[in-house]
Amino acid sequence: MLRAIHLPMRSVFHGFRRFAPTRLLTMQRTRARLAQLDDHLLKDIGLTRDAAEREAARCSWDAPRHWMD
């Protein structure tokens, strides 16, 4: 006889939630705005122009896990 396996919703859908369209759009907009900051603003947050451009060029789904939780 087969038994149902009960899994918490978080474990079942965690991967899907991570790539939710609103999160992807937010990541894309944030990175685009980072690339538009002036050099003195980048210096204030501890980034160089090159680092900001590299971050802006990353794919929207390429983010650390803790950004998506």
N, C-alpha and C. Protein backbone atom coordinates (compact mmCIF):
# COMPACT_ATOMS: atom_id res chain seq x y z
N MET A 1 0.83 -1.18 0.00
CA MET A 1 0.00 0.00 0.00
C MET A 1 0.88 1.26 0.00
N LEU A 2 0.52 2.22 -0.83
CA LEU A 2 1.28 3.47 -0.91
C LEU A 2 0.82 4.45 0.16
N ARG A 3 1.79 5.20 0.68
CA ARG A 3 1.47 6.24 1.66
C ARG A 3 1.83 7.59 1.07
N ALA A 4 1.07 8.57 1.47
CA ALA A 4 1.36 9.94 1.03
C ALA A 4 2.54 10.46 1.83
N ILE A 5 3.38 11.19 1.16
CA ILE A 5 4.52 11.82 1.83
C ILE A 5 4.15 13.27 2.08
N HIS A 6 4.22 13.68 3.31
CA HIS A 6 3.88 15.05 3.67
C HIS A 6 5.15 15.86 3.81
N LEU A 7 5.31 16.82 2.92
CA LEU A 7 6.46 17.71 2.95
C LEU A 7 5.99 19.13 3.25
N PRO A 8 6.78 19.87 3.99
CA PRO A 8 6.42 21.27 4.21
C PRO A 8 6.38 22.01 2.87
N MET A 9 5.47 22.94 2.72
CA MET A 9 5.34 23.70 1.46
C MET A 9 6.65 24.40 1.11
N ARG A 10 7.38 24.88 2.12
CA ARG A 10 8.63 25.59 1.86
C ARG A 10 9.62 24.71 1.10
N SER A 11 9.74 23.45 1.49
CA SER A 11 10.71 22.59 0.82
C SER A 11 10.28 22.23 -0.60
N VAL A 12 8.97 22.12 -0.81
CA VAL A 12 8.47 21.75 -2.13
C VAL A 12 8.61 22.90 -3.12
N PHE A 13 8.26 24.11 -2.70
CA PHE A 13 8.21 25.25 -3.60
C PHE A 13 9.36 26.23 -3.44
N HIS A 14 10.33 25.92 -2.62
CA HIS A 14 11.41 26.88 -2.36
C HIS A 14 12.14 27.28 -3.64
N GLY A 15 12.43 26.33 -4.49
CA GLY A 15 13.13 26.65 -5.73
C GLY A 15 12.33 27.56 -6.65
N PHE A 16 11.03 27.35 -6.71
CA PHE A 16 10.18 28.19 -7.56
C PHE A 16 10.09 29.61 -7.00
N ARG A 17 9.97 29.73 -5.68
CA ARG A 17 9.85 31.04 -5.07
C ARG A 17 11.12 31.85 -5.30
N ARG A 18 12.23 31.19 -5.32
CA ARG A 18 13.51 31.88 -5.49
C ARG A 18 13.56 32.62 -6.83
N PHE A 19 12.93 32.08 -7.82
CA PHE A 19 12.97 32.68 -9.15
C PHE A 19 11.64 33.36 -9.51
N ALA A 20 10.94 33.85 -8.52
CA ALA A 20 9.67 34.54 -8.77
C ALA A 20 9.91 35.73 -9.69
N PRO A 21 9.01 35.98 -10.61
CA PRO A 21 9.20 37.08 -11.58
C PRO A 21 9.42 38.44 -10.93
N THR A 22 8.73 38.72 -9.84
CA THR A 22 8.92 40.03 -9.20
C THR A 22 10.32 40.17 -8.62
N ARG A 23 10.86 39.09 -8.11
CA ARG A 23 12.23 39.13 -7.57
C ARG A 23 13.25 39.31 -8.70
N LEU A 24 13.00 38.66 -9.81
CA LEU A 24 13.91 38.80 -10.94
C LEU A 24 13.90 40.22 -11.48
N LEU A 25 12.71 40.80 -11.59
CA LEU A 25 12.62 42.18 -12.07
C LEU A 25 13.28 43.15 -11.11
N THR A 26 13.09 42.94 -9.82
CA THR A 26 13.72 43.79 -8.82
C THR A 26 15.24 43.69 -8.92
N MET A 27 15.75 42.49 -9.07
CA MET A 27 17.20 42.30 -9.19
C MET A 27 17.72 43.00 -10.44
N GLN A 28 17.00 42.87 -11.54
CA GLN A 28 17.41 43.49 -12.80
C GLN A 28 17.44 45.02 -12.66
N ARG A 29 16.40 45.59 -12.07
CA ARG A 29 16.34 47.05 -11.90
C ARG A 29 17.43 47.55 -10.95
N THR A 30 17.65 46.82 -9.88
CA THR A 30 18.67 47.22 -8.91
C THR A 30 20.05 47.24 -9.54
N ARG A 31 20.35 46.22 -10.30
CA ARG A 31 21.66 46.17 -10.95
C ARG A 31 21.81 47.25 -12.01
N ALA A 32 20.74 47.54 -12.74
CA ALA A 32 20.79 48.60 -13.75
C ALA A 32 21.03 49.95 -13.08
N ARG A 33 20.38 50.19 -11.95
CA ARG A 33 20.57 51.46 -11.24
C ARG A 33 21.96 51.56 -10.64
N LEU A 34 22.51 50.45 -10.22
CA LEU A 34 23.87 50.45 -9.69
C LEU A 34 24.85 50.93 -10.76
N ALA A 35 24.66 50.49 -11.97
CA ALA A 35 25.56 50.88 -13.07
C ALA A 35 25.43 52.37 -13.39
N GLN A 36 24.31 52.99 -13.02
CA GLN A 36 24.08 54.40 -13.33
C GLN A 36 24.59 55.35 -12.24
N LEU A 37 25.04 54.81 -11.11
CA LEU A 37 25.52 55.68 -10.03
C LEU A 37 26.80 56.41 -10.41
N ASP A 38 26.93 57.62 -9.90
CA ASP A 38 28.16 58.39 -10.12
C ASP A 38 29.31 57.76 -9.33
N ASP A 39 30.53 58.07 -9.76
CA ASP A 39 31.71 57.50 -9.10
C ASP A 39 31.78 57.85 -7.61
N HIS A 40 31.39 59.07 -7.25
CA HIS A 40 31.46 59.43 -5.83
C HIS A 40 30.44 58.65 -4.99
N LEU A 41 29.30 58.31 -5.57
CA LEU A 41 28.33 57.49 -4.85
C LEU A 41 28.80 56.04 -4.73
N LEU A 42 29.43 55.54 -5.78
CA LEU A 42 30.00 54.20 -5.71
C LEU A 42 31.09 54.13 -4.64
N LYS A 43 31.88 55.18 -4.56
CA LYS A 43 32.94 55.22 -3.55
C LYS A 43 32.33 55.19 -2.15
N ASP A 44 31.20 55.87 -1.96
CA ASP A 44 30.53 55.88 -0.67
C ASP A 44 30.10 54.49 -0.23
N ILE A 45 29.73 53.64 -1.16
CA ILE A 45 29.31 52.29 -0.80
C ILE A 45 30.43 51.27 -0.97
N GLY A 46 31.63 51.75 -1.30
CA GLY A 46 32.80 50.89 -1.35
C GLY A 46 32.97 50.08 -2.61
N LEU A 47 32.45 50.59 -3.73
CA LEU A 47 32.59 49.88 -5.00
C LEU A 47 33.35 50.73 -6.01
N THR A 48 34.04 50.07 -6.89
CA THR A 48 34.68 50.75 -8.01
C THR A 48 33.73 50.73 -9.20
N ARG A 49 34.01 51.52 -10.20
CA ARG A 49 33.20 51.53 -11.42
C ARG A 49 33.21 50.14 -12.06
N ASP A 50 34.39 49.51 -12.11
CA ASP A 50 34.50 48.17 -12.72
C ASP A 50 33.64 47.15 -11.98
N ALA A 51 33.68 47.18 -10.64
CA ALA A 51 32.89 46.24 -9.86
C ALA A 51 31.39 46.46 -10.08
N ALA A 52 30.98 47.71 -10.16
CA ALA A 52 29.56 48.02 -10.39
C ALA A 52 29.13 47.54 -11.78
N GLU A 53 29.97 47.73 -12.76
CA GLU A 53 29.63 47.28 -14.12
C GLU A 53 29.59 45.76 -14.22
N ARG A 54 30.51 45.09 -13.52
CA ARG A 54 30.47 43.62 -13.50
C ARG A 54 29.19 43.12 -12.86
N GLU A 55 28.80 43.75 -11.74
CA GLU A 55 27.56 43.35 -11.07
C GLU A 55 26.36 43.61 -11.96
N ALA A 56 26.33 44.74 -12.63
CA ALA A 56 25.21 45.09 -13.50
C ALA A 56 25.10 44.14 -14.70
N ALA A 57 26.21 43.56 -15.11
CA ALA A 57 26.21 42.66 -16.27
C ALA A 57 25.75 41.24 -15.92
N ARG A 58 25.66 40.94 -14.64
CA ARG A 58 25.23 39.59 -14.24
C ARG A 58 23.77 39.37 -14.60
N CYS A 59 23.41 38.12 -14.82
CA CYS A 59 22.02 37.75 -15.10
C CYS A 59 21.17 38.01 -13.87
N SER A 60 19.91 38.33 -14.07
CA SER A 60 19.04 38.67 -12.94
C SER A 60 18.84 37.50 -11.98
N TRP A 61 18.90 36.28 -12.45
CA TRP A 61 18.70 35.13 -11.56
C TRP A 61 20.00 34.72 -10.86
N ASP A 62 21.12 35.33 -11.21
CA ASP A 62 22.40 35.01 -10.60
C ASP A 62 22.58 35.87 -9.35
N ALA A 63 22.09 35.36 -8.23
CA ALA A 63 22.14 36.12 -6.98
C ALA A 63 22.44 35.17 -5.82
N PRO A 64 23.06 35.70 -4.78
CA PRO A 64 23.27 34.88 -3.59
C PRO A 64 21.94 34.43 -3.00
N ARG A 65 21.93 33.27 -2.44
CA ARG A 65 20.68 32.70 -1.91
C ARG A 65 20.03 33.61 -0.87
N HIS A 66 20.83 34.27 -0.02
CA HIS A 66 20.25 35.08 1.04
C HIS A 66 19.54 36.33 0.50
N TRP A 67 19.80 36.72 -0.72
CA TRP A 67 19.08 37.86 -1.32
C TRP A 67 17.67 37.46 -1.68
N MET A 68 17.45 36.19 -1.91
CA MET A 68 16.16 35.73 -2.40
C MET A 68 15.24 35.24 -1.29
N ASP A 69 15.74 35.04 -0.11
CA ASP A 69 14.89 34.55 1.00
C ASP A 69 14.13 35.66 1.64
